[in-house]
Protein backbone atom coordinates (compact mmCIF):
# COMPACT_ATOMS: atom_id res chain seq x y z
CA MET A 1 0.00 0.00 0.00
CA ARG A 2 1.68 3.17 -1.25
CA ILE A 3 0.81 6.57 0.18
CA ALA A 4 1.88 10.18 -0.28
CA ILE A 5 1.48 12.86 2.39
CA VAL A 6 0.97 16.62 2.19
CA GLY A 7 -0.13 19.24 4.71
CA ALA A 8 -0.38 22.98 5.31
CA GLY A 9 3.40 23.30 5.58
CA ASP A 10 6.47 21.15 6.03
CA VAL A 11 4.94 18.07 7.66
CA LEU A 12 8.39 16.88 8.79
CA ASN A 13 8.89 20.01 10.86
CA PRO A 14 8.09 19.14 14.52
CA ILE A 15 6.96 22.73 15.10
CA LEU A 16 4.15 22.72 12.51
CA TRP A 17 0.73 22.37 14.15
CA SER A 18 2.43 21.50 17.48
CA GLY A 19 4.09 18.51 15.78
CA THR A 20 0.88 16.66 14.89
CA PRO A 21 1.72 16.11 11.16
CA TYR A 22 5.26 15.07 12.12
CA TYR A 23 3.99 12.25 14.35
CA MET A 24 1.43 11.19 11.79
CA VAL A 25 4.14 10.78 9.16
CA LYS A 26 6.47 9.06 11.63
CA TYR A 27 3.96 6.39 12.64
CA LEU A 28 2.33 5.96 9.24
CA SER A 29 5.83 5.20 7.93
CA GLU A 30 6.00 2.24 10.30
CA TYR A 31 2.78 0.63 9.03
CA THR A 32 2.45 1.76 5.41
CA ASN A 33 4.71 2.42 2.46
CA VAL A 34 5.17 6.19 2.47
CA VAL A 35 6.58 6.78 -1.00
CA TYR A 36 6.50 10.57 -1.00
CA VAL A 37 6.23 13.43 1.49
CA GLU A 38 5.54 16.91 0.09
CA ARG A 39 7.44 19.41 2.23
CA ARG A 40 6.74 22.57 0.19
CA PRO A 41 3.00 22.56 -0.49
CA PHE A 42 2.84 26.31 -1.14
CA LEU A 43 5.03 28.59 -3.21
CA PHE A 44 7.17 30.87 -1.05
CA LEU A 45 5.84 33.98 -2.80
CA TYR A 46 2.24 32.88 -2.19
CA MET A 47 2.84 32.39 1.52
CA ALA A 48 4.71 35.71 1.81
CA VAL A 49 1.89 37.62 0.13
CA LEU A 50 -0.72 35.72 2.18
CA LYS A 51 0.93 36.76 5.46
CA ILE A 52 1.38 40.39 4.41
CA VAL A 53 -2.20 40.75 3.21
CA ARG A 54 -3.59 39.08 6.31
CA ARG A 55 -1.55 41.37 8.54
CA ILE A 56 -2.44 44.57 6.64
CA THR A 57 -6.16 43.75 6.59
CA GLY A 58 -6.30 42.56 10.20
CA GLY A 59 -7.31 39.07 9.11
CA ARG A 60 -10.23 40.23 6.95
CA ILE A 61 -8.57 38.88 3.79
CA ASN A 62 -7.00 35.41 3.82
CA LEU A 63 -5.71 34.25 0.43
CA LEU A 64 -5.78 30.67 1.64
CA TRP A 65 -9.50 30.90 0.89
CA SER A 66 -9.08 32.42 -2.57
CA PRO A 67 -9.68 29.71 -5.23
CA LEU A 68 -7.37 31.27 -7.82
CA ALA A 69 -4.59 32.12 -5.37
CA ALA A 70 -4.73 28.65 -3.78
CA TRP A 71 -4.73 26.97 -7.19
CA LEU A 72 -1.67 28.94 -8.36
CA GLY A 73 0.12 28.74 -5.02
CA THR A 74 -0.05 24.94 -4.91
CA LEU A 75 0.61 24.25 -8.61
CA PRO A 76 4.25 23.01 -8.36
CA ALA A 77 3.42 20.79 -5.36
CA ARG A 78 0.41 19.32 -7.13
CA ARG A 79 2.52 18.52 -10.17
CA ARG A 80 5.02 16.69 -7.99
CA LEU A 81 2.23 14.75 -6.28
CA ALA A 82 0.65 13.87 -9.64
CA ALA A 83 3.88 12.16 -10.66
CA VAL A 84 3.79 9.85 -7.64
CA ASP A 85 2.38 6.35 -8.04
CA CYS A 86 0.36 5.86 -4.86
CA ASP A 87 -2.91 4.42 -3.59
CA TYR A 88 -3.82 7.40 -1.39
CA ILE A 89 -2.72 10.96 -0.73
CA PHE A 90 -3.06 11.96 2.91
CA VAL A 91 -3.92 15.65 3.29
CA ILE A 92 -3.29 16.89 6.81
CA GLY A 93 -5.05 20.01 8.03
CA CYS A 94 -5.50 21.82 4.72
CA ALA A 95 -8.94 21.95 3.10
CA SER A 96 -7.78 24.04 0.14
CA ILE A 97 -5.19 21.47 -0.96
CA CYS A 98 -7.51 18.55 -0.25
CA LYS A 99 -10.28 20.10 -2.32
CA ILE A 100 -8.01 20.56 -5.37
CA LEU A 101 -6.28 17.16 -5.10
CA SER A 102 -9.56 15.29 -4.64
CA GLU A 103 -10.55 16.17 -8.20
CA LYS A 104 -7.96 13.72 -9.60
CA HIS A 105 -6.64 11.65 -6.72
CA ARG A 106 -7.87 9.35 -3.99
CA THR A 107 -7.42 11.49 -0.89
CA ILE A 108 -7.78 11.00 2.83
CA ASN A 109 -8.84 14.17 4.60
CA ILE A 110 -7.30 14.55 8.07
CA ASN A 111 -8.37 17.47 10.24
CA ASP A 112 -9.49 18.38 13.74
CA ALA A 113 -12.64 20.23 12.61
CA THR A 114 -14.70 21.16 9.56
CA GLY A 115 -14.91 24.61 8.02
CA LYS A 116 -18.54 24.89 9.12
CA LEU A 117 -17.49 24.35 12.72
CA ILE A 118 -14.48 26.67 12.93
CA SER A 119 -16.09 29.53 11.02
CA SER A 120 -18.79 29.78 13.68
CA TYR A 121 -16.64 28.71 16.65
CA TYR A 122 -13.41 30.72 16.73
CA PRO A 123 -13.91 34.51 17.07
CA GLU A 124 -11.06 35.34 14.64
CA TYR A 125 -13.09 33.98 11.74
CA ASP A 126 -15.69 36.67 12.37
CA ARG A 127 -13.23 39.13 10.85
CA LEU A 128 -13.14 37.38 7.47
CA LEU A 129 -14.87 39.17 4.61
CA SER A 130 -17.98 37.28 3.50
CA TYR A 131 -16.31 36.26 0.20
CA PHE A 132 -13.50 34.43 1.99
CA ARG A 133 -15.85 32.99 4.60
CA ARG A 134 -17.99 31.50 1.81
CA ASN A 135 -14.88 30.03 0.17
CA LEU A 136 -13.72 28.57 3.48
CA ILE A 137 -17.02 26.70 3.72
CA SER A 138 -16.86 25.73 0.03
CA PHE A 139 -13.29 24.38 0.28
CA SER A 140 -14.20 22.49 3.45
CA THR A 141 -17.32 21.05 1.82
CA GLU A 142 -15.42 19.63 -1.15
CA SER A 143 -12.52 18.39 0.96
CA VAL A 144 -15.05 16.38 2.97
CA THR A 145 -17.43 15.22 0.24
CA GLU A 146 -14.83 14.43 -2.44
CA SER A 147 -12.23 12.65 -0.29
CA SER A 148 -12.27 8.86 -0.03
CA PHE A 149 -12.77 9.15 3.68
CA CYS A 150 -12.22 11.59 6.53
CA LEU A 151 -10.24 11.09 9.72
CA TYR A 152 -11.07 13.18 12.77
CA PRO A 153 -10.00 12.86 16.42
CA SER A 154 -13.37 13.80 17.92
CA SER A 155 -17.06 13.02 17.67
CA TRP A 156 -17.62 16.79 17.49
CA ALA A 157 -15.87 16.95 14.09
CA CYS A 158 -17.30 13.63 12.86
CA THR A 159 -20.85 14.73 13.58
CA SER A 160 -20.33 17.90 11.56
CA ALA A 161 -18.93 15.99 8.55
CA ILE A 162 -21.97 13.72 8.57
CA HIS A 163 -24.76 16.17 9.36
CA ASP A 164 -23.41 19.43 7.88
CA TYR A 165 -21.92 17.90 4.73
CA GLY A 166 -23.85 14.69 4.18
CA LYS A 167 -20.76 12.45 4.26
CA SER A 168 -21.60 8.78 4.74
CA PRO A 169 -21.00 7.68 8.35
CA ASP A 170 -19.00 4.76 6.93
CA ASP A 171 -16.50 7.25 5.50
CA VAL A 172 -16.13 9.43 8.59
CA ILE A 173 -13.74 7.81 11.04
CA GLU A 174 -13.04 8.94 14.59
CA ILE A 175 -9.57 7.97 15.81
CA ALA A 176 -8.04 9.80 18.77
CA TRP A 177 -4.64 11.47 18.40
CA GLY A 178 -1.64 10.79 20.59
CA PRO A 179 0.77 13.05 22.49
CA ASN A 180 3.29 15.17 20.59
CA LEU A 181 6.28 14.10 22.63
CA GLN A 182 9.55 13.12 20.98
CA HIS A 183 10.74 10.99 23.86
CA GLU A 184 9.11 7.78 25.01
CA LEU A 185 7.71 8.43 28.45
CA ARG A 186 6.45 6.13 31.13
CA GLY A 187 3.92 7.85 33.33
CA ARG A 188 3.20 6.80 36.85
CA VAL A 189 0.16 6.55 39.05
CA ARG A 190 -0.06 9.80 40.97
CA GLU A 191 -0.38 10.10 44.71
CA LEU A 192 -1.58 13.14 46.64
CA GLY A 193 0.48 14.58 49.43
CA GLY A 194 2.32 17.75 50.38
CA GLU A 195 1.88 20.86 48.23
CA LEU A 196 -0.90 20.58 45.63
CA ARG A 197 0.69 21.18 42.22
CA LEU A 198 -1.45 22.29 39.26
CA LEU A 199 -0.05 22.62 35.74
CA PHE A 200 -1.28 24.81 32.87
CA VAL A 201 0.33 24.54 29.41
CA GLY A 202 -0.83 26.94 26.70
CA ILE A 203 0.29 29.99 24.75
CA SER A 204 -3.10 31.59 24.10
CA TRP A 205 -3.59 32.74 27.68
CA HIS A 206 -7.15 34.03 27.59
CA ARG A 207 -8.52 31.56 25.01
CA LYS A 208 -7.10 28.63 26.97
CA GLY A 209 -8.59 29.90 30.24
CA GLY A 210 -5.39 30.94 31.98
CA PRO A 211 -7.02 33.63 34.17
CA LYS A 212 -9.59 31.11 35.43
CA ALA A 213 -6.81 28.62 36.32
CA VAL A 214 -5.17 31.37 38.38
CA GLU A 215 -8.50 32.09 40.08
CA VAL A 216 -8.96 28.40 40.93
CA THR A 217 -5.52 28.39 42.55
CA ARG A 218 -6.34 31.53 44.55
CA ILE A 219 -9.59 30.01 45.85
CA LEU A 220 -7.86 26.78 46.90
CA ARG A 221 -5.20 28.76 48.78
CA GLU A 222 -7.87 30.84 50.52
CA ARG A 223 -9.41 27.59 51.76
CA GLY A 224 -6.18 26.59 53.40
CA ILE A 225 -5.02 24.17 50.69
CA SER A 226 -1.36 24.72 49.88
CA ALA A 227 -1.81 24.98 46.10
CA ARG A 228 0.63 26.11 43.45
CA LEU A 229 0.09 26.66 39.73
CA ASP A 230 2.89 26.25 37.20
CA VAL A 231 2.22 28.04 33.90
CA VAL A 232 4.07 27.06 30.73
CA GLY A 233 3.76 28.98 27.47
CA TYR A 234 2.84 32.40 28.80
CA ARG A 235 4.46 35.05 30.97
CA PRO A 236 2.61 38.33 31.55
CA THR A 237 4.51 41.60 31.39
CA GLY A 238 4.83 43.50 34.62
CA LEU A 239 4.64 40.44 36.87
CA ARG A 240 7.55 38.71 38.52
CA GLU A 241 8.13 35.02 37.76
CA THR A 242 6.32 33.85 40.91
CA HIS A 243 3.21 35.71 42.01
CA ASP A 244 0.56 34.64 44.56
CA GLY A 245 1.22 30.91 44.21
CA VAL A 246 1.59 31.07 40.43
CA THR A 247 4.94 30.50 38.71
CA PHE A 248 5.30 31.59 35.08
CA HIS A 249 7.91 29.57 33.20
CA GLY A 250 7.40 31.11 29.75
CA ARG A 251 7.75 28.99 26.63
CA LEU A 252 9.57 25.68 26.97
CA LYS A 253 10.43 24.17 23.59
CA LYS A 254 10.18 20.41 23.24
CA SER A 255 12.89 20.58 20.57
CA ASN A 256 15.37 21.97 23.11
CA ALA A 257 16.74 19.18 25.32
CA GLU A 258 17.21 21.41 28.38
CA GLU A 259 13.80 23.06 28.07
CA PHE A 260 12.07 19.74 27.44
CA ALA A 261 13.73 18.32 30.54
CA ARG A 262 12.26 21.22 32.53
CA LEU A 263 8.80 20.66 30.96
CA ASN A 264 9.05 16.95 31.74
CA GLU A 265 9.95 17.79 35.34
CA LEU A 266 6.91 20.08 35.69
CA TYR A 267 4.60 17.38 34.34
CA ASP A 268 6.17 14.86 36.70
CA GLN A 269 5.75 17.13 39.73
CA ALA A 270 2.14 18.07 38.96
CA GLN A 271 -0.92 16.39 40.45
CA PHE A 272 -3.55 17.97 38.20
CA PHE A 273 -3.49 19.36 34.68
CA ILE A 274 -5.79 22.35 34.40
CA MET A 275 -6.81 24.17 31.22
CA PRO A 276 -10.36 25.63 31.34
CA THR A 277 -10.30 26.45 27.63
CA GLN A 278 -12.99 28.48 25.86
CA PHE A 279 -12.38 27.11 22.36
CA GLU A 280 -10.64 23.82 21.50
CA CYS A 281 -10.92 21.57 18.46
CA TYR A 282 -9.06 18.79 20.26
CA GLY A 283 -6.29 19.70 22.72
CA MET A 284 -3.00 17.82 22.28
CA VAL A 285 -1.95 18.82 25.80
CA PHE A 286 -4.71 16.63 27.23
CA ALA A 287 -3.24 13.56 25.50
CA GLU A 288 0.16 14.59 26.83
CA ALA A 289 -1.18 15.02 30.36
CA ALA A 290 -2.73 11.54 30.18
CA THR A 291 0.67 10.13 29.22
CA TYR A 292 1.95 11.34 32.57
CA GLY A 293 -1.07 9.96 34.44
CA LEU A 294 -2.31 13.46 35.29
CA PRO A 295 -6.05 13.88 36.01
CA ILE A 296 -7.42 16.75 33.90
CA ILE A 297 -9.61 19.73 34.74
CA SER A 298 -11.11 21.39 31.67
CA THR A 299 -14.30 22.45 29.91
CA ARG A 300 -16.97 20.74 27.85
CA THR A 301 -16.33 22.43 24.51
CA GLY A 302 -15.40 21.47 20.94
CA GLY A 303 -13.51 18.20 20.76
CA VAL A 304 -12.39 18.14 24.40
CA PRO A 305 -14.98 15.52 25.53
CA SER A 306 -13.44 13.08 23.03
CA VAL A 307 -10.00 13.43 24.65
CA VAL A 308 -10.94 13.75 28.30
CA LYS A 309 -13.36 11.15 29.63
CA ASP A 310 -15.49 13.12 32.05
CA GLY A 311 -15.62 11.39 35.42
CA GLU A 312 -12.91 8.88 34.45
CA THR A 313 -9.72 10.65 33.35
CA GLY A 314 -10.75 14.13 34.40
CA LEU A 315 -13.59 16.52 35.10
CA LEU A 316 -15.25 18.74 32.50
CA PHE A 317 -17.21 21.89 33.30
CA PRO A 318 -19.36 24.28 31.27
CA VAL A 319 -17.33 26.96 29.48
CA ASP A 320 -19.09 29.60 31.55
CA GLY A 321 -18.72 27.57 34.74
CA SER A 322 -17.16 29.32 37.71
CA ALA A 323 -13.68 28.93 39.14
CA GLU A 324 -15.47 28.18 42.41
CA GLU A 325 -16.99 25.01 40.88
CA MET A 326 -13.59 23.81 39.70
CA ALA A 327 -11.98 24.54 43.05
CA ASP A 328 -14.79 22.60 44.79
CA ALA A 329 -14.20 19.57 42.55
CA ILE A 330 -10.44 19.63 43.04
CA ALA A 331 -10.83 19.96 46.82
CA GLU A 332 -13.20 16.99 46.81
CA LEU A 333 -10.70 14.85 44.89
CA VAL A 334 -7.95 15.90 47.29
CA ARG A 335 -10.07 14.51 50.12
CA ASP A 336 -10.97 11.33 48.20
CA LYS A 337 -7.51 9.93 47.50
CA ASP A 338 -8.81 6.58 46.22
CA ARG A 339 -10.93 8.28 43.57
CA TYR A 340 -8.01 10.51 42.62
CA ARG A 341 -5.81 7.45 42.20
CA ARG A 342 -8.41 5.81 39.92
CA PHE A 343 -8.43 8.92 37.75
CA SER A 344 -4.66 8.69 37.40
CA GLU A 345 -4.78 4.97 36.60
CA ASN A 346 -7.47 5.62 33.98
CA CYS A 347 -5.30 8.30 32.36
CA LEU A 348 -2.40 5.90 31.95
CA ALA A 349 -4.66 3.18 30.56
CA ASP A 350 -6.28 5.62 28.11
CA SER A 351 -2.86 6.80 26.98
CA ARG A 352 -1.74 3.23 26.37
CA ASP A 353 -4.90 2.00 24.64
CA ARG A 354 -6.34 5.02 22.81
CA LEU A 355 -4.47 8.34 23.04
CA ASN A 356 -1.51 6.85 21.26
CA TRP A 357 0.05 7.50 17.82
CA ASP A 358 0.97 3.86 17.36
CA VAL A 359 -2.66 2.85 17.92
CA TRP A 360 -3.77 5.66 15.58
CA ALA A 361 -1.53 4.46 12.72
CA LYS A 362 -2.67 0.84 13.07
CA LYS A 363 -6.32 1.87 12.91
CA VAL A 364 -5.70 4.10 9.89
CA LYS A 365 -3.98 1.23 8.09
CA ALA A 366 -6.94 -1.03 8.82
CA GLU A 367 -9.35 1.52 7.34
CA MET A 368 -7.29 1.77 4.15
CA LEU A 369 -7.03 -1.98 3.73
CA LYS A 370 -10.76 -2.35 4.22
CA ARG A 371 -11.38 0.02 1.31
CA LEU A 372 -8.79 -1.49 -1.02
CA LYS A 373 -10.30 -4.99 -0.87
């Protein structure tokens, strides 16, 4: 079984999309015959103009959703892909490329959401001019309907592909994604004791619910629980590194051995992973937290309920739920050490059996073989 792979950038770059395409290619290569990987899907000039125009217009114009610009900007890459003898072309996270390639090739559409979902979910898409918004939906529609089948990591995205686009349920496959961690890690069952350590990992501070995580920590401390929050990915200006039980570590790159060692240490020291996000198509950090056996505190939004099993590997709250509710739940788990331990055990089991790139690749291979018979 011969496959080619293309995405919205260099899929072999561990930085692209938090490393998700990189791990997909890595594990697909172990179970299928990857005969070609397209690392330059867009012309440099196209991408340069796209970024300039988007910046000048404040995001109102995005040439990624211009049919002519996308067609011209991907022409060399599409010619290279056309010369490849393969059974399938995997298209990772790029509806515009998938739409164009699906006209002549057997494609597999991989994404964490549909255009219909993100255009009405993330606030930044409200800025798009109506012309580009319509094209976003159009590109997404054809990438879904014309591909051989679609792979999504959540029921949220799968439901949209079926109900919003009319894709056959047999051709919409939900397979959870694994953690984007370069090193093999062996988590451990967590025990409570001593200072209560909470961990938040996210760059988009407000969108990921950083202020609410700080508020949860403050409430716990007011109740006499010695709680501390470690924040990775964000450091506010004007505040010292440690402030009222919160320590800001800034960005820690997984590609840097020293910084990854520090990130690994913070995960290992934590007892809860907390990210009360407002918008989330999936949430790779939840799969990473599960790898460490960390019970998760988050919100019931987007694809999160497909990563975090509410009441088993973590607790999910309404997006508009209060920090008080979250603090109450954490305090209750602190008192019920047996239940806390079961949460940690469930996280490790889920990481081993489901939130795992090796498992993902095996399931993808099985879906391809089923369709080639």
